[in-house]
Amino acid sequence: MVRHVLLLQPRPDATAEAIDACRVALDALVGRIPGLLDCHWGENFAAAQRREGFTYGFSMDFSDRASLEAYAPHPEHLPVAQRVRATFEKILVFDFEL
């Protein structure tokens, strides 16, 4: 199994509605993309000096690396990725095997 983690720093003009729309869109990918097992979204409650502006994040579990690699170009993922990039100015990715 592979865990795909993203830390997100919102754009200055990002609204609460736009951020929540990203959460909803990401959650909706589960069951629509082969090998994507789950998605967990959260708001960072770490002290401000420890989070470097990353106030949101999510993780996704994939059945294997091949599933994760197939996720990025998947047609269901592309508009969601575009929405996330439009809402967040800084995105940090960390992928690892479980």
PDB file of N, CA and C in Angstrom:
ATOM      1  N   MET A   1       0.841  -1.169   0.000  1.00  0.00           N
ATOM      2  CA  MET A   1       0.000   0.000   0.000  1.00  0.00           C
ATOM      3  C   MET A   1       0.891   1.238   0.000  1.00  0.00           C
ATOM      4  N   VAL A   2       0.394   2.307  -0.606  1.00  0.00           N
ATOM      5  CA  VAL A   2       1.121   3.574  -0.723  1.00  0.00           C
ATOM      6  C   VAL A   2       0.260   4.695  -0.160  1.00  0.00           C
ATOM      7  N   ARG A   3       0.882   5.563   0.631  1.00  0.00           N
ATOM      8  CA  ARG A   3       0.186   6.745   1.148  1.00  0.00           C
ATOM      9  C   ARG A   3       0.710   7.970   0.413  1.00  0.00           C
ATOM     10  N   HIS A   4      -0.222   8.781  -0.070  1.00  0.00           N
ATOM     11  CA  HIS A   4       0.031  10.008  -0.826  1.00  0.00           C
ATOM     12  C   HIS A   4      -0.429  11.160   0.067  1.00  0.00           C
ATOM     13  N   VAL A   5       0.507  12.001   0.503  1.00  0.00           N
ATOM     14  CA  VAL A   5       0.209  13.080   1.440  1.00  0.00           C
ATOM     15  C   VAL A   5       0.487  14.418   0.775  1.00  0.00           C
ATOM     16  N   LEU A   6      -0.448  15.348   0.897  1.00  0.00           N
ATOM     17  CA  LEU A   6      -0.241  16.711   0.409  1.00  0.00           C
ATOM     18  C   LEU A   6      -0.480  17.689   1.540  1.00  0.00           C
ATOM     19  N   LEU A   7       0.444  18.641   1.694  1.00  0.00           N
ATOM     20  CA  LEU A   7       0.277  19.757   2.608  1.00  0.00           C
ATOM     21  C   LEU A   7      -0.024  20.977   1.755  1.00  0.00           C
ATOM     22  N   LEU A   8      -0.978  21.785   2.203  1.00  0.00           N
ATOM     23  CA  LEU A   8      -1.528  22.848   1.365  1.00  0.00           C
ATOM     24  C   LEU A   8      -1.490  24.209   2.058  1.00  0.00           C
ATOM     25  N   GLN A   9      -1.017  25.208   1.325  1.00  0.00           N
ATOM     26  CA  GLN A   9      -1.022  26.589   1.800  1.00  0.00           C
ATOM     27  C   GLN A   9      -1.986  27.358   0.891  1.00  0.00           C
ATOM     28  N   PRO A  10      -3.090  27.869   1.438  1.00  0.00           N
ATOM     29  CA  PRO A  10      -4.071  28.563   0.598  1.00  0.00           C
ATOM     30  C   PRO A  10      -3.525  29.843  -0.020  1.00  0.00           C
ATOM     31  N   ARG A  11      -4.054  30.171  -1.179  1.00  0.00           N
ATOM     32  CA  ARG A  11      -3.774  31.473  -1.778  1.00  0.00           C
ATOM     33  C   ARG A  11      -4.416  32.541  -0.883  1.00  0.00           C
ATOM     34  N   PRO A  12      -3.884  33.744  -0.869  1.00  0.00           N
ATOM     35  CA  PRO A  12      -4.439  34.793  -0.006  1.00  0.00           C
ATOM     36  C   PRO A  12      -5.921  35.070  -0.255  1.00  0.00           C
ATOM     37  N   ASP A  13      -6.372  34.869  -1.486  1.00  0.00           N
ATOM     38  CA  ASP A  13      -7.773  35.156  -1.813  1.00  0.00           C
ATOM     39  C   ASP A  13      -8.673  33.918  -1.753  1.00  0.00           C
ATOM     40  N   ALA A  14      -8.156  32.804  -1.268  1.00  0.00           N
ATOM     41  CA  ALA A  14      -8.961  31.574  -1.203  1.00  0.00           C
ATOM     42  C   ALA A  14     -10.051  31.724  -0.150  1.00  0.00           C
ATOM     43  N   THR A  15     -11.267  31.394  -0.532  1.00  0.00           N
ATOM     44  CA  THR A  15     -12.395  31.473   0.395  1.00  0.00           C
ATOM     45  C   THR A  15     -12.595  30.129   1.092  1.00  0.00           C
ATOM     46  N   ALA A  16     -13.305  30.168   2.191  1.00  0.00           N
ATOM     47  CA  ALA A  16     -13.640  28.930   2.905  1.00  0.00           C
ATOM     48  C   ALA A  16     -14.443  28.002   1.998  1.00  0.00           C
ATOM     49  N   GLU A  17     -15.278  28.573   1.153  1.00  0.00           N
ATOM     50  CA  GLU A  17     -16.094  27.774   0.231  1.00  0.00           C
ATOM     51  C   GLU A  17     -15.227  27.073  -0.813  1.00  0.00           C
ATOM     52  N   ALA A  18     -14.225  27.769  -1.331  1.00  0.00           N
ATOM     53  CA  ALA A  18     -13.330  27.168  -2.328  1.00  0.00           C
ATOM     54  C   ALA A  18     -12.506  26.050  -1.701  1.00  0.00           C
ATOM     55  N   ILE A  19     -12.062  26.264  -0.470  1.00  0.00           N
ATOM     56  CA  ILE A  19     -11.287  25.230   0.222  1.00  0.00           C
ATOM     57  C   ILE A  19     -12.156  24.005   0.466  1.00  0.00           C
ATOM     58  N   ASP A  20     -13.379  24.218   0.918  1.00  0.00           N
ATOM     59  CA  ASP A  20     -14.273  23.077   1.164  1.00  0.00           C
ATOM     60  C   ASP A  20     -14.635  22.364  -0.139  1.00  0.00           C
ATOM     61  N   ALA A  21     -14.752  23.102  -1.230  1.00  0.00           N
ATOM     62  CA  ALA A  21     -15.041  22.472  -2.522  1.00  0.00           C
ATOM     63  C   ALA A  21     -13.903  21.532  -2.928  1.00  0.00           C
ATOM     64  N   CYS A  22     -12.673  21.878  -2.574  1.00  0.00           N
ATOM     65  CA  CYS A  22     -11.546  20.972  -2.838  1.00  0.00           C
ATOM     66  C   CYS A  22     -11.704  19.695  -2.036  1.00  0.00           C
ATOM     67  N   ARG A  23     -12.055  19.823  -0.773  1.00  0.00           N
ATOM     68  CA  ARG A  23     -12.249  18.656   0.073  1.00  0.00           C
ATOM     69  C   ARG A  23     -13.314  17.730  -0.507  1.00  0.00           C
ATOM     70  N   VAL A  24     -14.429  18.295  -0.882  1.00  0.00           N
ATOM     71  CA  VAL A  24     -15.535  17.508  -1.435  1.00  0.00           C
ATOM     72  C   VAL A  24     -15.111  16.822  -2.730  1.00  0.00           C
ATOM     73  N   ALA A  25     -14.420  17.552  -3.591  1.00  0.00           N
ATOM     74  CA  ALA A  25     -13.990  16.989  -4.878  1.00  0.00           C
ATOM     75  C   ALA A  25     -12.990  15.854  -4.686  1.00  0.00           C
ATOM     76  N   LEU A  26     -12.066  16.013  -3.754  1.00  0.00           N
ATOM     77  CA  LEU A  26     -11.091  14.954  -3.488  1.00  0.00           C
ATOM     78  C   LEU A  26     -11.769  13.718  -2.910  1.00  0.00           C
ATOM     79  N   ASP A  27     -12.653  13.921  -1.952  1.00  0.00           N
ATOM     80  CA  ASP A  27     -13.378  12.789  -1.365  1.00  0.00           C
ATOM     81  C   ASP A  27     -14.173  12.016  -2.415  1.00  0.00           C
ATOM     82  N   ALA A  28     -14.701  12.738  -3.393  1.00  0.00           N
ATOM     83  CA  ALA A  28     -15.537  12.105  -4.426  1.00  0.00           C
ATOM     84  C   ALA A  28     -14.731  11.208  -5.365  1.00  0.00           C
ATOM     85  N   LEU A  29     -13.411  11.325  -5.358  1.00  0.00           N
ATOM     86  CA  LEU A  29     -12.591  10.486  -6.241  1.00  0.00           C
ATOM     87  C   LEU A  29     -12.514   9.037  -5.758  1.00  0.00           C
ATOM     88  N   VAL A  30     -12.718   8.830  -4.454  1.00  0.00           N
ATOM     89  CA  VAL A  30     -12.685   7.468  -3.906  1.00  0.00           C
ATOM     90  C   VAL A  30     -13.831   6.672  -4.533  1.00  0.00           C
ATOM     91  N   GLY A  31     -13.499   5.516  -5.072  1.00  0.00           N
ATOM     92  CA  GLY A  31     -14.495   4.684  -5.747  1.00  0.00           C
ATOM     93  C   GLY A  31     -14.605   4.969  -7.230  1.00  0.00           C
ATOM     94  N   ARG A  32     -14.013   6.058  -7.686  1.00  0.00           N
ATOM     95  CA  ARG A  32     -14.062   6.412  -9.101  1.00  0.00           C
ATOM     96  C   ARG A  32     -12.724   6.215  -9.800  1.00  0.00           C
ATOM     97  N   ILE A  33     -11.660   6.092  -9.012  1.00  0.00           N
ATOM     98  CA  ILE A  33     -10.323   5.889  -9.571  1.00  0.00           C
ATOM     99  C   ILE A  33      -9.800   4.545  -9.051  1.00  0.00           C
ATOM    100  N   PRO A  34      -9.466   3.642  -9.952  1.00  0.00           N
ATOM    101  CA  PRO A  34      -8.997   2.319  -9.534  1.00  0.00           C
ATOM    102  C   PRO A  34      -7.778   2.407  -8.619  1.00  0.00           C
ATOM    103  N   GLY A  35      -7.821   1.654  -7.525  1.00  0.00           N
ATOM    104  CA  GLY A  35      -6.709   1.590  -6.598  1.00  0.00           C
ATOM    105  C   GLY A  35      -6.694   2.665  -5.536  1.00  0.00           C
ATOM    106  N   LEU A  36      -7.543   3.701  -5.653  1.00  0.00           N
ATOM    107  CA  LEU A  36      -7.641   4.740  -4.627  1.00  0.00           C
ATOM    108  C   LEU A  36      -8.585   4.224  -3.542  1.00  0.00           C
ATOM    109  N   LEU A  37      -8.033   3.966  -2.374  1.00  0.00           N
ATOM    110  CA  LEU A  37      -8.777   3.288  -1.313  1.00  0.00           C
ATOM    111  C   LEU A  37      -9.499   4.229  -0.367  1.00  0.00           C
ATOM    112  N   ASP A  38      -8.878   5.371  -0.043  1.00  0.00           N
ATOM    113  CA  ASP A  38      -9.535   6.324   0.853  1.00  0.00           C
ATOM    114  C   ASP A  38      -8.858   7.683   0.774  1.00  0.00           C
ATOM    115  N   CYS A  39      -9.519   8.660   1.368  1.00  0.00           N
ATOM    116  CA  CYS A  39      -9.008  10.031   1.409  1.00  0.00           C
ATOM    117  C   CYS A  39      -9.368  10.615   2.768  1.00  0.00           C
ATOM    118  N   HIS A  40      -8.399  11.286   3.390  1.00  0.00           N
ATOM    119  CA  HIS A  40      -8.616  11.940   4.687  1.00  0.00           C
ATOM    120  C   HIS A  40      -8.131  13.377   4.584  1.00  0.00           C
ATOM    121  N   TRP A  41      -8.988  14.307   4.947  1.00  0.00           N
ATOM    122  CA  TRP A  41      -8.715  15.741   4.843  1.00  0.00           C
ATOM    123  C   TRP A  41      -8.674  16.333   6.247  1.00  0.00           C
ATOM    124  N   GLY A  42      -7.813  17.316   6.472  1.00  0.00           N
ATOM    125  CA  GLY A  42      -7.797  17.959   7.770  1.00  0.00           C
ATOM    126  C   GLY A  42      -7.203  19.352   7.739  1.00  0.00           C
ATOM    127  N   GLU A  43      -7.520  20.090   8.798  1.00  0.00           N
ATOM    128  CA  GLU A  43      -6.952  21.417   8.999  1.00  0.00           C
ATOM    129  C   GLU A  43      -5.824  21.283  10.019  1.00  0.00           C
ATOM    130  N   ASN A  44      -4.700  21.909   9.734  1.00  0.00           N
ATOM    131  CA  ASN A  44      -3.517  21.792  10.570  1.00  0.00           C
ATOM    132  C   ASN A  44      -3.697  22.587  11.860  1.00  0.00           C
ATOM    133  N   PHE A  45      -3.606  21.897  12.991  1.00  0.00           N
ATOM    134  CA  PHE A  45      -3.723  22.588  14.274  1.00  0.00           C
ATOM    135  C   PHE A  45      -2.376  22.761  14.971  1.00  0.00           C
ATOM    136  N   ALA A  46      -1.287  22.432  14.299  1.00  0.00           N
ATOM    137  CA  ALA A  46       0.044  22.657  14.867  1.00  0.00           C
ATOM    138  C   ALA A  46       0.270  24.156  15.071  1.00  0.00           C
ATOM    139  N   ALA A  47       1.146  24.479  16.001  1.00  0.00           N
ATOM    140  CA  ALA A  47       1.469  25.881  16.254  1.00  0.00           C
ATOM    141  C   ALA A  47       1.932  26.548  14.959  1.00  0.00           C
ATOM    142  N   ALA A  48       1.544  27.797  14.765  1.00  0.00           N
ATOM    143  CA  ALA A  48       1.833  28.519  13.520  1.00  0.00           C
ATOM    144  C   ALA A  48       3.314  28.503  13.162  1.00  0.00           C
ATOM    145  N   GLN A  49       4.196  28.605  14.131  1.00  0.00           N
ATOM    146  CA  GLN A  49       5.629  28.629  13.842  1.00  0.00           C
ATOM    147  C   GLN A  49       6.154  27.273  13.379  1.00  0.00           C
ATOM    148  N   ARG A  50       5.366  26.221  13.497  1.00  0.00           N
ATOM    149  CA  ARG A  50       5.809  24.884  13.088  1.00  0.00           C
ATOM    150  C   ARG A  50       5.209  24.436  11.766  1.00  0.00           C
ATOM    151  N   ARG A  51       4.243  25.151  11.225  1.00  0.00           N
ATOM    152  CA  ARG A  51       3.555  24.657  10.027  1.00  0.00           C
ATOM    153  C   ARG A  51       3.939  25.362   8.731  1.00  0.00           C
ATOM    154  N   GLU A  52       4.736  26.398   8.796  1.00  0.00           N
ATOM    155  CA  GLU A  52       5.243  27.092   7.604  1.00  0.00           C
ATOM    156  C   GLU A  52       4.151  27.484   6.607  1.00  0.00           C
ATOM    157  N   GLY A  53       2.997  27.855   7.118  1.00  0.00           N
ATOM    158  CA  GLY A  53       1.903  28.304   6.264  1.00  0.00           C
ATOM    159  C   GLY A  53       1.014  27.188   5.736  1.00  0.00           C
ATOM    160  N   PHE A  54       1.371  25.951   5.978  1.00  0.00           N
ATOM    161  CA  PHE A  54       0.555  24.814   5.512  1.00  0.00           C
ATOM    162  C   PHE A  54      -0.587  24.606   6.504  1.00  0.00           C
ATOM    163  N   THR A  55      -1.750  25.113   6.162  1.00  0.00           N
ATOM    164  CA  THR A  55      -2.879  25.084   7.090  1.00  0.00           C
ATOM    165  C   THR A  55      -3.882  23.975   6.794  1.00  0.00           C
ATOM    166  N   TYR A  56      -3.748  23.315   5.660  1.00  0.00           N
ATOM    167  CA  TYR A  56      -4.623  22.191   5.301  1.00  0.00           C
ATOM    168  C   TYR A  56      -3.774  21.066   4.748  1.00  0.00           C
ATOM    169  N   GLY A  57      -4.365  19.911   4.687  1.00  0.00           N
ATOM    170  CA  GLY A  57      -3.673  18.784   4.090  1.00  0.00           C
ATOM    171  C   GLY A  57      -4.618  17.614   3.918  1.00  0.00           C
ATOM    172  N   PHE A  58      -4.173  16.651   3.125  1.00  0.00           N
ATOM    173  CA  PHE A  58      -4.948  15.430   2.979  1.00  0.00           C
ATOM    174  C   PHE A  58      -4.004  14.282   2.672  1.00  0.00           C
ATOM    175  N   SER A  59      -4.507  13.091   2.932  1.00  0.00           N
ATOM    176  CA  SER A  59      -3.770  11.895   2.559  1.00  0.00           C
ATOM    177  C   SER A  59      -4.717  10.968   1.817  1.00  0.00           C
ATOM    178  N   MET A  60      -4.135  10.205   0.916  1.00  0.00           N
ATOM    179  CA  MET A  60      -4.871   9.193   0.161  1.00  0.00           C
ATOM    180  C   MET A  60      -4.069   7.905   0.226  1.00  0.00           C
ATOM    181  N   ASP A  61      -4.761   6.800   0.361  1.00  0.00           N
ATOM    182  CA  ASP A  61      -4.107   5.503   0.311  1.00  0.00           C
ATOM    183  C   ASP A  61      -4.434   4.828  -1.011  1.00  0.00           C
ATOM    184  N   PHE A  62      -3.394   4.294  -1.641  1.00  0.00           N
ATOM    185  CA  PHE A  62      -3.514   3.572  -2.904  1.00  0.00           C
ATOM    186  C   PHE A  62      -3.066   2.129  -2.687  1.00  0.00           C
ATOM    187  N   SER A  63      -3.610   1.251  -3.468  1.00  0.00           N
ATOM    188  CA  SER A  63      -3.289  -0.161  -3.311  1.00  0.00           C
ATOM    189  C   SER A  63      -1.825  -0.452  -3.613  1.00  0.00           C
ATOM    190  N   ASP A  64      -1.216   0.320  -4.517  1.00  0.00           N
ATOM    191  CA  ASP A  64       0.184   0.097  -4.878  1.00  0.00           C
ATOM    192  C   ASP A  64       0.716   1.306  -5.641  1.00  0.00           C
ATOM    193  N   ARG A  65       2.009   1.281  -5.968  1.00  0.00           N
ATOM    194  CA  ARG A  65       2.616   2.410  -6.692  1.00  0.00           C
ATOM    195  C   ARG A  65       2.016   2.589  -8.077  1.00  0.00           C
ATOM    196  N   ALA A  66       1.693   1.502  -8.735  1.00  0.00           N
ATOM    197  CA  ALA A  66       1.110   1.604 -10.078  1.00  0.00           C
ATOM    198  C   ALA A  66      -0.214   2.370 -10.027  1.00  0.00           C
ATOM    199  N   SER A  67      -1.015   2.146  -8.989  1.00  0.00           N
ATOM    200  CA  SER A  67      -2.283   2.871  -8.846  1.00  0.00           C
ATOM    201  C   SER A  67      -2.043   4.358  -8.635  1.00  0.00           C
ATOM    202  N   LEU A  68      -1.044   4.683  -7.803  1.00  0.00           N
ATOM    203  CA  LEU A  68      -0.706   6.091  -7.579  1.00  0.00           C
ATOM    204  C   LEU A  68      -0.232   6.742  -8.874  1.00  0.00           C
ATOM    205  N   GLU A  69       0.599   6.050  -9.623  1.00  0.00           N
ATOM    206  CA  GLU A  69       1.105   6.596 -10.886  1.00  0.00           C
ATOM    207  C   GLU A  69      -0.011   6.792 -11.909  1.00  0.00           C
ATOM    208  N   ALA A  70      -1.009   5.925 -11.890  1.00  0.00           N
ATOM    209  CA  ALA A  70      -2.136   6.047 -12.815  1.00  0.00           C
ATOM    210  C   ALA A  70      -3.114   7.147 -12.388  1.00  0.00           C
ATOM    211  N   TYR A  71      -3.053   7.553 -11.135  1.00  0.00           N
ATOM    212  CA  TYR A  71      -3.953   8.564 -10.585  1.00  0.00           C
ATOM    213  C   TYR A  71      -3.730   9.944 -11.210  1.00  0.00           C
ATOM    214  N   ALA A  72      -2.483  10.385 -11.302  1.00  0.00           N
ATOM    215  CA  ALA A  72      -2.185  11.746 -11.772  1.00  0.00           C
ATOM    216  C   ALA A  72      -2.803  12.058 -13.135  1.00  0.00           C
ATOM    217  N   PRO A  73      -2.653  11.198 -14.149  1.00  0.00           N
ATOM    218  CA  PRO A  73      -3.230  11.524 -15.454  1.00  0.00           C
ATOM    219  C   PRO A  73      -4.683  11.066 -15.638  1.00  0.00           C
ATOM    220  N   HIS A  74      -5.272  10.481 -14.600  1.00  0.00           N
ATOM    221  CA  HIS A  74      -6.648   9.964 -14.731  1.00  0.00           C
ATOM    222  C   HIS A  74      -7.617  11.113 -15.032  1.00  0.00           C
ATOM    223  N   PRO A  75      -8.531  10.930 -15.978  1.00  0.00           N
ATOM    224  CA  PRO A  75      -9.445  12.018 -16.354  1.00  0.00           C
ATOM    225  C   PRO A  75     -10.356  12.495 -15.225  1.00  0.00           C
ATOM    226  N   GLU A  76     -10.644  11.663 -14.246  1.00  0.00           N
ATOM    227  CA  GLU A  76     -11.454  12.104 -13.096  1.00  0.00           C
ATOM    228  C   GLU A  76     -10.630  13.005 -12.167  1.00  0.00           C
ATOM    229  N   HIS A  77      -9.319  12.792 -12.129  1.00  0.00           N
ATOM    230  CA  HIS A  77      -8.441  13.546 -11.244  1.00  0.00           C
ATOM    231  C   HIS A  77      -8.081  14.921 -11.798  1.00  0.00           C
ATOM    232  N   LEU A  78      -7.942  15.038 -13.100  1.00  0.00           N
ATOM    233  CA  LEU A  78      -7.432  16.274 -13.706  1.00  0.00           C
ATOM    234  C   LEU A  78      -8.194  17.533 -13.298  1.00  0.00           C
ATOM    235  N   PRO A  79      -9.545  17.561 -13.356  1.00  0.00           N
ATOM    236  CA  PRO A  79     -10.230  18.794 -12.947  1.00  0.00           C
ATOM    237  C   PRO A  79     -10.118  19.068 -11.444  1.00  0.00           C
ATOM    238  N   VAL A  80     -10.005  18.017 -10.655  1.00  0.00           N
ATOM    239  CA  VAL A  80      -9.839  18.203  -9.212  1.00  0.00           C
ATOM    240  C   VAL A  80      -8.463  18.799  -8.923  1.00  0.00           C
ATOM    241  N   ALA A  81      -7.438  18.296  -9.585  1.00  0.00           N
ATOM    242  CA  ALA A  81      -6.092  18.844  -9.423  1.00  0.00           C
ATOM    243  C   ALA A  81      -6.055  20.314  -9.826  1.00  0.00           C
ATOM    244  N   GLN A  82      -6.752  20.644 -10.891  1.00  0.00           N
ATOM    245  CA  GLN A  82      -6.802  22.039 -11.339  1.00  0.00           C
ATOM    246  C   GLN A  82      -7.466  22.915 -10.265  1.00  0.00           C
ATOM    247  N   ARG A  83      -8.531  22.419  -9.656  1.00  0.00           N
ATOM    248  CA  ARG A  83      -9.233  23.161  -8.599  1.00  0.00           C
ATOM    249  C   ARG A  83      -8.311  23.372  -7.400  1.00  0.00           C
ATOM    250  N   VAL A  84      -7.588  22.321  -7.025  1.00  0.00           N
ATOM    251  CA  VAL A  84      -6.672  22.424  -5.881  1.00  0.00           C
ATOM    252  C   VAL A  84      -5.572  23.437  -6.183  1.00  0.00           C
ATOM    253  N   ARG A  85      -4.988  23.379  -7.370  1.00  0.00           N
ATOM    254  CA  ARG A  85      -3.924  24.333  -7.726  1.00  0.00           C
ATOM    255  C   ARG A  85      -4.445  25.769  -7.775  1.00  0.00           C
ATOM    256  N   ALA A  86      -5.717  25.960  -8.121  1.00  0.00           N
ATOM    257  CA  ALA A  86      -6.301  27.306  -8.173  1.00  0.00           C
ATOM    258  C   ALA A  86      -6.580  27.854  -6.768  1.00  0.00           C
ATOM    259  N   THR A  87      -6.709  26.975  -5.789  1.00  0.00           N
ATOM    260  CA  THR A  87      -7.068  27.375  -4.433  1.00  0.00           C
ATOM    261  C   THR A  87      -5.854  27.493  -3.513  1.00  0.00           C
ATOM    262  N   PHE A  88      -4.828  26.687  -3.780  1.00  0.00           N
ATOM    263  CA  PHE A  88      -3.653  26.647  -2.904  1.00  0.00           C
ATOM    264  C   PHE A  88      -2.408  27.076  -3.668  1.00  0.00           C
ATOM    265  N   GLU A  89      -1.627  27.986  -3.062  1.00  0.00           N
ATOM    266  CA  GLU A  89      -0.451  28.514  -3.747  1.00  0.00           C
ATOM    267  C   GLU A  89       0.792  27.676  -3.525  1.00  0.00           C
ATOM    268  N   LYS A  90       0.836  26.923  -2.455  1.00  0.00           N
ATOM    269  CA  LYS A  90       1.990  26.088  -2.174  1.00  0.00           C
ATOM    270  C   LYS A  90       1.490  24.699  -1.799  1.00  0.00           C
ATOM    271  N   ILE A  91       2.035  23.696  -2.479  1.00  0.00           N
ATOM    272  CA  ILE A  91       1.622  22.313  -2.273  1.00  0.00           C
ATOM    273  C   ILE A  91       2.876  21.467  -2.113  1.00  0.00           C
ATOM    274  N   LEU A  92       2.935  20.741  -1.014  1.00  0.00           N
ATOM    275  CA  LEU A  92       4.058  19.856  -0.755  1.00  0.00           C
ATOM    276  C   LEU A  92       3.552  18.424  -0.763  1.00  0.00           C
ATOM    277  N   VAL A  93       4.229  17.556  -1.530  1.00  0.00           N
ATOM    278  CA  VAL A  93       3.813  16.166  -1.674  1.00  0.00           C
ATOM    279  C   VAL A  93       4.827  15.256  -1.004  1.00  0.00           C
ATOM    280  N   PHE A  94       4.308  14.239  -0.310  1.00  0.00           N
ATOM    281  CA  PHE A  94       5.151  13.224   0.322  1.00  0.00           C
ATOM    282  C   PHE A  94       4.467  11.880   0.108  1.00  0.00           C
ATOM    283  N   ASP A  95       5.104  10.999  -0.645  1.00  0.00           N
ATOM    284  CA  ASP A  95       4.567   9.660  -0.930  1.00  0.00           C
ATOM    285  C   ASP A  95       5.462   8.621  -0.272  1.00  0.00           C
ATOM    286  N   PHE A  96       4.851   7.613   0.336  1.00  0.00           N
ATOM    287  CA  PHE A  96       5.647   6.546   0.941  1.00  0.00           C
ATOM    288  C   PHE A  96       4.853   5.247   0.983  1.00  0.00           C
ATOM    289  N   GLU A  97       5.587   4.161   1.101  1.00  0.00           N
ATOM    290  CA  GLU A  97       4.968   2.850   1.179  1.00  0.00           C
ATOM    291  C   GLU A  97       4.650   2.515   2.633  1.00  0.00           C
ATOM    292  N   LEU A  98       3.538   1.871   2.829  1.00  0.00           N
ATOM    293  CA  LEU A  98       3.143   1.429   4.169  1.00  0.00           C
ATOM    294  C   LEU A  98       3.555  -0.011   4.380  1.00  0.00           C
TER     295      LEU A  98
END
